[in-house]
């Protein structure tokens, strides 16, 4: 496993992080708490040092699972969580951020959050400067160590950076979703902001395990029954077939390296140092055992060029 510093001020973290969205339950089909806890513990054994969660994942249930997984070993892991999404939308008022932090500390059973992140910049009634001031105040109080954001655009980052350094950005980024390359990654490189990607495996598409006749239960957002915006881009029938063709082409490259398509996809995200770590979710230990091996895979220039030809032909 490779380890990289989280931006210019942060500590080294593993190149593969563990994401707990599925751990919240209710959006990924059947899940088993014990299996998810076992997956987190197995990830730690394999060198994963940091775990990403949010108060919105199962209304805090995922945070509770993180606490259960590392009970007695809190100081051995780097815990990141998020604030802002509520049952009624997004709230980034200073009061909500303060309350959210205290509630997360209780669920995580810890005295500090290693990385506290604004989940979405979608509160149109609260100036971002007020929200970021509140985040900085939590850092000053010692309740959080580092400050990050998720789903931000450059215009949002520019409002935060003069107030307090943005330690990390969490964008939606994968071989199939490359929007961050245009502006976000260059901005983060210039400002010393770490980048931790979500959707790194395109929610399973880039594992190479789906076929054209794949179906999902209605309580899995990938079925299209829940109105999640990523569905149209990734899992709507026409888009899904197109992505599977891309996966087939990538499989030839992966086979030549004796890695899986999923390992290739994660190694590609980590290819040039712009990305600090790729967040990968898992419902069971076997899933993370496969994915985590990508933390050791380094791609040479010829392989990166071959991948780019496949992706540019999509």
Protein backbone atom coordinates (compact mmCIF):
# COMPACT_ATOMS: atom_id res chain seq x y z
CA UNK A 1 0.00 0.00 0.00
CA UNK A 2 1.26 3.43 -0.92
CA UNK A 3 0.71 6.39 1.41
CA UNK A 4 0.46 10.03 0.41
CA UNK A 5 0.15 13.28 2.36
CA UNK A 6 -3.33 14.79 2.43
CA UNK A 7 -2.47 18.08 0.78
CA UNK A 8 0.28 20.37 2.00
CA UNK A 9 -0.65 20.19 5.69
CA UNK A 10 -2.25 16.80 6.22
CA UNK A 11 -0.82 13.49 7.35
CA UNK A 12 0.01 10.55 5.07
CA UNK A 13 -3.06 8.42 4.31
CA UNK A 14 -3.42 5.19 2.39
CA UNK A 15 -3.85 5.47 -1.38
CA UNK A 16 -7.06 3.46 -1.02
CA UNK A 17 -9.66 4.65 1.48
CA UNK A 18 -12.76 2.83 2.69
CA UNK A 19 -16.14 4.43 1.93
CA UNK A 20 -19.16 3.67 4.11
CA UNK A 21 -22.13 4.93 2.09
CA UNK A 22 -23.44 1.36 1.77
CA UNK A 23 -23.01 0.94 5.52
CA UNK A 24 -25.83 3.37 6.15
CA UNK A 25 -28.26 0.94 4.58
CA UNK A 26 -31.40 1.62 2.59
CA UNK A 27 -29.82 2.59 -0.75
CA UNK A 28 -27.66 -0.35 -1.76
CA UNK A 29 -30.00 -3.31 -1.43
CA UNK A 30 -29.52 -5.79 1.42
CA UNK A 31 -26.62 -5.03 3.75
CA UNK A 32 -25.36 -6.76 6.87
CA UNK A 33 -23.83 -4.66 9.65
CA UNK A 34 -21.52 -7.43 10.81
CA UNK A 35 -20.21 -7.96 7.28
CA UNK A 36 -19.54 -4.25 6.82
CA UNK A 37 -17.75 -4.03 10.16
CA UNK A 38 -15.68 -7.08 9.19
CA UNK A 39 -14.86 -5.42 5.85
CA UNK A 40 -13.60 -2.28 7.61
CA UNK A 41 -11.50 -4.31 9.99
CA UNK A 42 -10.07 -6.36 7.13
CA UNK A 43 -9.26 -3.18 5.23
CA UNK A 44 -7.25 -1.93 8.20
CA UNK A 45 -5.36 -5.23 8.35
CA UNK A 46 -4.45 -4.77 4.69
CA UNK A 47 -3.06 -1.27 5.16
CA UNK A 48 -6.04 1.03 4.72
CA UNK A 49 -5.60 3.81 7.26
CA UNK A 50 -8.59 6.04 6.64
CA UNK A 51 -12.36 5.61 6.57
CA UNK A 52 -14.86 8.02 5.06
CA UNK A 53 -18.41 8.35 6.34
CA UNK A 54 -21.15 10.99 6.75
CA UNK A 55 -23.96 11.86 9.11
CA UNK A 56 -26.35 11.41 6.15
CA UNK A 57 -25.46 7.76 5.58
CA UNK A 58 -28.36 6.00 7.23
CA UNK A 59 -29.00 9.04 9.46
CA UNK A 60 -25.74 8.40 11.27
CA UNK A 61 -25.84 4.60 11.23
CA UNK A 62 -22.68 4.35 9.15
CA UNK A 63 -20.83 6.49 11.70
CA UNK A 64 -21.94 4.11 14.43
CA UNK A 65 -20.58 1.17 12.46
CA UNK A 66 -17.22 2.92 12.14
CA UNK A 67 -17.17 3.34 15.92
CA UNK A 68 -18.01 -0.34 16.40
CA UNK A 69 -15.36 -1.46 13.91
CA UNK A 70 -12.55 0.37 15.69
CA UNK A 71 -13.65 0.23 19.29
CA UNK A 72 -10.43 0.25 21.30
CA UNK A 73 -8.35 1.12 18.21
CA UNK A 74 -9.49 4.68 17.55
CA UNK A 75 -5.97 6.12 17.43
CA UNK A 76 -4.96 3.66 14.71
CA UNK A 77 -7.28 5.06 12.04
CA UNK A 78 -7.99 8.40 10.36
CA UNK A 79 -11.75 9.07 10.38
CA UNK A 80 -13.43 11.45 7.94
CA UNK A 81 -17.08 12.42 8.09
CA UNK A 82 -19.37 15.00 6.52
CA UNK A 83 -22.10 17.45 7.44
CA UNK A 84 -24.85 19.31 5.60
CA UNK A 85 -27.36 16.87 4.14
CA UNK A 86 -30.61 16.65 6.11
CA UNK A 87 -33.98 14.99 5.59
CA UNK A 88 -35.20 18.30 4.19
CA UNK A 89 -32.31 19.11 1.90
CA UNK A 90 -29.01 20.81 2.68
CA UNK A 91 -28.31 23.07 5.66
CA UNK A 92 -24.95 24.77 6.13
CA UNK A 93 -25.90 27.25 8.80
CA UNK A 94 -23.23 27.67 11.49
CA UNK A 95 -25.69 26.30 14.06
CA UNK A 96 -26.37 23.17 12.02
CA UNK A 97 -22.64 22.60 11.45
CA UNK A 98 -21.91 22.93 15.18
CA UNK A 99 -24.76 20.60 16.14
CA UNK A 100 -23.81 18.16 13.40
CA UNK A 101 -20.23 17.98 14.61
CA UNK A 102 -21.25 17.27 18.19
CA UNK A 103 -23.70 14.59 17.07
CA UNK A 104 -21.07 12.92 14.89
CA UNK A 105 -18.56 12.95 17.75
CA UNK A 106 -21.10 11.11 19.90
CA UNK A 107 -21.91 8.50 17.25
CA UNK A 108 -18.24 7.97 16.44
CA UNK A 109 -17.46 7.75 20.17
CA UNK A 110 -14.41 9.95 19.81
CA UNK A 111 -13.13 13.30 21.03
CA UNK A 112 -12.12 14.58 17.58
CA UNK A 113 -12.89 14.10 13.91
CA UNK A 114 -9.76 13.77 11.80
CA UNK A 115 -11.27 15.25 8.63
CA UNK A 116 -14.56 17.17 8.75
CA UNK A 117 -16.12 17.89 5.37
CA UNK A 118 -19.01 19.95 4.02
CA UNK A 119 -21.02 17.39 2.07
CA UNK A 120 -22.68 19.57 -0.61
CA UNK A 121 -22.48 23.34 -1.31
CA UNK A 122 -26.24 23.51 -1.90
CA UNK A 123 -27.55 25.79 0.86
CA UNK A 124 -28.53 28.91 -1.06
CA UNK A 125 -29.66 30.72 2.07
CA UNK A 126 -26.33 30.61 3.91
CA UNK A 127 -23.22 32.37 2.54
CA UNK A 128 -20.41 29.87 2.13
CA UNK A 129 -18.11 32.21 4.05
CA UNK A 130 -20.34 31.84 7.14
CA UNK A 131 -20.34 28.07 6.81
CA UNK A 132 -16.56 27.89 6.44
CA UNK A 133 -16.08 30.24 9.37
CA UNK A 134 -18.05 27.75 11.45
CA UNK A 135 -15.85 24.89 10.24
CA UNK A 136 -12.71 26.85 11.10
CA UNK A 137 -14.08 27.54 14.58
CA UNK A 138 -14.50 23.80 15.15
CA UNK A 139 -10.88 23.32 14.16
CA UNK A 140 -9.81 26.04 16.58
CA UNK A 141 -11.71 24.26 19.35
CA UNK A 142 -9.88 21.01 18.63
CA UNK A 143 -13.05 19.14 17.70
CA UNK A 144 -11.73 18.53 14.17
CA UNK A 145 -8.17 18.28 12.91
CA UNK A 146 -8.46 18.99 9.19
CA UNK A 147 -11.12 20.64 7.03
CA UNK A 148 -12.44 19.36 3.73
CA UNK A 149 -15.24 19.74 1.23
CA UNK A 150 -17.17 17.44 -1.08
CA UNK A 151 -18.82 18.16 -4.43
CA UNK A 152 -17.45 21.72 -4.55
CA UNK A 153 -16.67 23.67 -7.68
CA UNK A 154 -13.76 26.10 -7.95
CA UNK A 155 -16.08 29.04 -7.24
CA UNK A 156 -16.91 27.50 -3.84
CA UNK A 157 -13.29 26.66 -3.05
CA UNK A 158 -12.28 30.24 -3.77
CA UNK A 159 -14.65 31.47 -1.07
CA UNK A 160 -13.18 29.13 1.55
CA UNK A 161 -9.44 29.25 0.97
CA UNK A 162 -8.89 32.88 2.15
CA UNK A 163 -10.63 32.06 5.45
CA UNK A 164 -8.93 28.75 6.26
CA UNK A 165 -6.99 26.33 4.07
CA UNK A 166 -9.07 23.64 2.38
CA UNK A 167 -7.19 20.47 3.28
CA UNK A 168 -9.11 18.18 0.95
CA UNK A 169 -11.65 18.01 -1.84
CA UNK A 170 -13.83 14.96 -2.40
CA UNK A 171 -15.03 14.97 -6.03
CA UNK A 172 -16.99 12.42 -8.06
CA UNK A 173 -14.21 11.09 -10.29
CA UNK A 174 -13.49 7.88 -12.16
CA UNK A 175 -12.57 6.60 -15.60
CA UNK A 176 -16.21 7.17 -16.56
CA UNK A 177 -16.68 10.57 -14.88
CA UNK A 178 -13.75 12.86 -15.67
CA UNK A 179 -15.18 16.34 -15.05
CA UNK A 180 -12.70 17.21 -12.23
CA UNK A 181 -9.76 17.12 -14.63
CA UNK A 182 -10.66 20.43 -16.27
CA UNK A 183 -10.53 22.82 -13.30
CA UNK A 184 -10.71 21.10 -9.94
CA UNK A 185 -7.53 19.01 -10.06
CA UNK A 186 -5.38 21.93 -11.29
CA UNK A 187 -6.80 24.17 -8.54
CA UNK A 188 -6.03 21.57 -5.88
CA UNK A 189 -2.48 21.09 -7.14
CA UNK A 190 -1.90 24.85 -7.08
CA UNK A 191 -3.27 25.31 -3.56
CA UNK A 192 -1.92 22.19 -1.88
CA UNK A 193 -5.35 20.65 -1.39
CA UNK A 194 -5.57 16.87 -1.21
CA UNK A 195 -8.01 15.03 -3.48
CA UNK A 196 -9.93 11.97 -2.30
CA UNK A 197 -12.23 10.59 -4.98
CA UNK A 198 -15.63 8.99 -4.55
CA UNK A 199 -17.41 6.86 -7.12
CA UNK A 200 -13.90 5.60 -7.88
CA UNK A 201 -15.21 2.31 -9.29
CA UNK A 202 -18.35 3.86 -10.81
CA UNK A 203 -20.43 2.09 -8.16
CA UNK A 204 -19.38 -1.34 -9.33
CA UNK A 205 -19.29 -0.87 -13.11
CA UNK A 206 -15.50 -0.66 -13.14
CA UNK A 207 -15.08 -3.82 -11.10
CA UNK A 208 -15.76 -5.70 -14.33
CA UNK A 209 -18.28 -7.96 -12.65
CA UNK A 210 -21.49 -6.67 -14.22
CA UNK A 211 -23.05 -8.05 -17.39
CA UNK A 212 -25.57 -6.42 -19.72
CA UNK A 213 -28.46 -8.26 -18.05
CA UNK A 214 -27.56 -7.08 -14.54
CA UNK A 215 -30.54 -5.98 -12.41
CA UNK A 216 -30.76 -4.28 -9.03
CA UNK A 217 -33.42 -4.48 -6.32
CA UNK A 218 -35.74 -1.51 -5.90
CA UNK A 219 -34.04 -0.50 -2.66
CA UNK A 220 -30.73 -0.13 -4.53
CA UNK A 221 -30.37 3.33 -6.09
CA UNK A 222 -28.74 1.77 -9.15
CA UNK A 223 -32.16 0.40 -10.10
CA UNK A 224 -33.27 3.92 -11.00
CA UNK A 225 -36.13 3.82 -8.48
CA UNK A 226 -34.72 6.44 -6.10
CA UNK A 227 -34.07 9.45 -8.30
CA UNK A 228 -30.32 9.60 -7.64
CA UNK A 229 -28.73 11.80 -10.28
CA UNK A 230 -25.85 9.42 -11.01
CA UNK A 231 -28.30 6.85 -12.39
CA UNK A 232 -28.80 8.58 -15.75
CA UNK A 233 -25.08 9.04 -16.27
CA UNK A 234 -24.06 5.52 -15.33
CA UNK A 235 -26.88 2.97 -15.04
CA UNK A 236 -29.60 4.05 -17.47
CA UNK A 237 -29.74 1.24 -20.08
CA UNK A 238 -28.00 3.04 -22.97
CA UNK A 239 -25.25 4.49 -20.77
CA UNK A 240 -24.79 1.18 -18.93
CA UNK A 241 -24.24 -0.77 -22.18
CA UNK A 242 -21.74 1.83 -23.36
CA UNK A 243 -19.78 1.60 -20.11
CA UNK A 244 -19.71 -2.20 -20.24
CA UNK A 245 -18.13 -1.99 -23.70
CA UNK A 246 -15.46 0.25 -22.21
CA UNK A 247 -14.90 -2.24 -19.41
CA UNK A 248 -14.44 -5.03 -21.96
CA UNK A 249 -11.71 -3.02 -23.69
CA UNK A 250 -10.04 -2.21 -20.36
CA UNK A 251 -10.10 -5.88 -19.43
CA UNK A 252 -7.56 -6.64 -22.17
CA UNK A 253 -5.14 -4.14 -20.63
CA UNK A 254 -5.78 -5.43 -17.11
CA UNK A 255 -5.22 -9.04 -18.15
CA UNK A 256 -1.86 -8.06 -19.63
CA UNK A 257 -0.82 -6.69 -16.23
CA UNK A 258 -2.33 -9.60 -14.29
CA UNK A 259 -4.68 -7.28 -12.40
CA UNK A 260 -8.46 -6.92 -12.32
CA UNK A 261 -10.32 -4.16 -14.11
CA UNK A 262 -11.15 -2.67 -10.70
CA UNK A 263 -7.51 -2.59 -9.66
CA UNK A 264 -6.62 -1.00 -12.98
CA UNK A 265 -9.31 1.66 -12.50
CA UNK A 266 -8.05 2.63 -9.06
CA UNK A 267 -4.40 2.61 -10.13
CA UNK A 268 -5.35 4.92 -13.02
CA UNK A 269 -6.87 7.43 -10.58
CA UNK A 270 -3.60 7.42 -8.65
CA UNK A 271 -1.45 7.63 -11.77
CA UNK A 272 0.15 11.08 -11.51
CA UNK A 273 -0.19 12.17 -7.89
CA UNK A 274 -3.10 14.55 -8.50
CA UNK A 275 -5.32 12.21 -6.48
CA UNK A 276 -4.24 11.52 -2.92
CA UNK A 277 -6.53 8.55 -2.35
CA UNK A 278 -9.39 6.71 -4.03
CA UNK A 279 -12.37 5.91 -1.82
CA UNK A 280 -13.72 2.42 -2.45
CA UNK A 281 -16.76 0.98 -0.72
CA UNK A 282 -17.34 -2.62 0.26
CA UNK A 283 -20.22 -4.64 1.69
CA UNK A 284 -18.07 -7.60 2.65
CA UNK A 285 -14.38 -8.38 3.32
CA UNK A 286 -13.80 -10.16 0.00
CA UNK A 287 -14.62 -6.98 -1.93
CA UNK A 288 -12.05 -4.82 -0.17
CA UNK A 289 -9.46 -7.62 -0.27
CA UNK A 290 -9.50 -7.39 -4.05
CA UNK A 291 -9.70 -3.63 -4.39
CA UNK A 292 -7.01 -2.77 -1.86
CA UNK A 293 -4.36 -4.43 -3.99
CA UNK A 294 -4.61 -1.45 -6.32
CA UNK A 295 -2.69 0.50 -3.71
CA UNK A 296 0.43 -1.33 -4.86
CA UNK A 297 -0.14 -1.09 -8.63
CA UNK A 298 1.85 1.54 -10.52
CA UNK A 299 1.17 2.12 -14.21
CA UNK A 300 3.89 2.96 -16.70
CA UNK A 301 3.50 5.59 -19.42
CA UNK A 302 2.70 3.05 -22.13
CA UNK A 303 -0.12 1.55 -20.09
CA UNK A 304 -1.55 4.97 -19.28
CA UNK A 305 -1.49 5.82 -23.00
CA UNK A 306 -3.29 2.58 -23.83
CA UNK A 307 -5.96 3.32 -21.24
CA UNK A 308 -6.39 6.83 -22.57
CA UNK A 309 -7.02 5.49 -26.06
CA UNK A 310 -9.80 3.29 -24.71
CA UNK A 311 -11.37 6.09 -22.70
CA UNK A 312 -11.14 8.67 -25.47
CA UNK A 313 -12.88 6.27 -27.88
CA UNK A 314 -15.99 6.05 -25.68
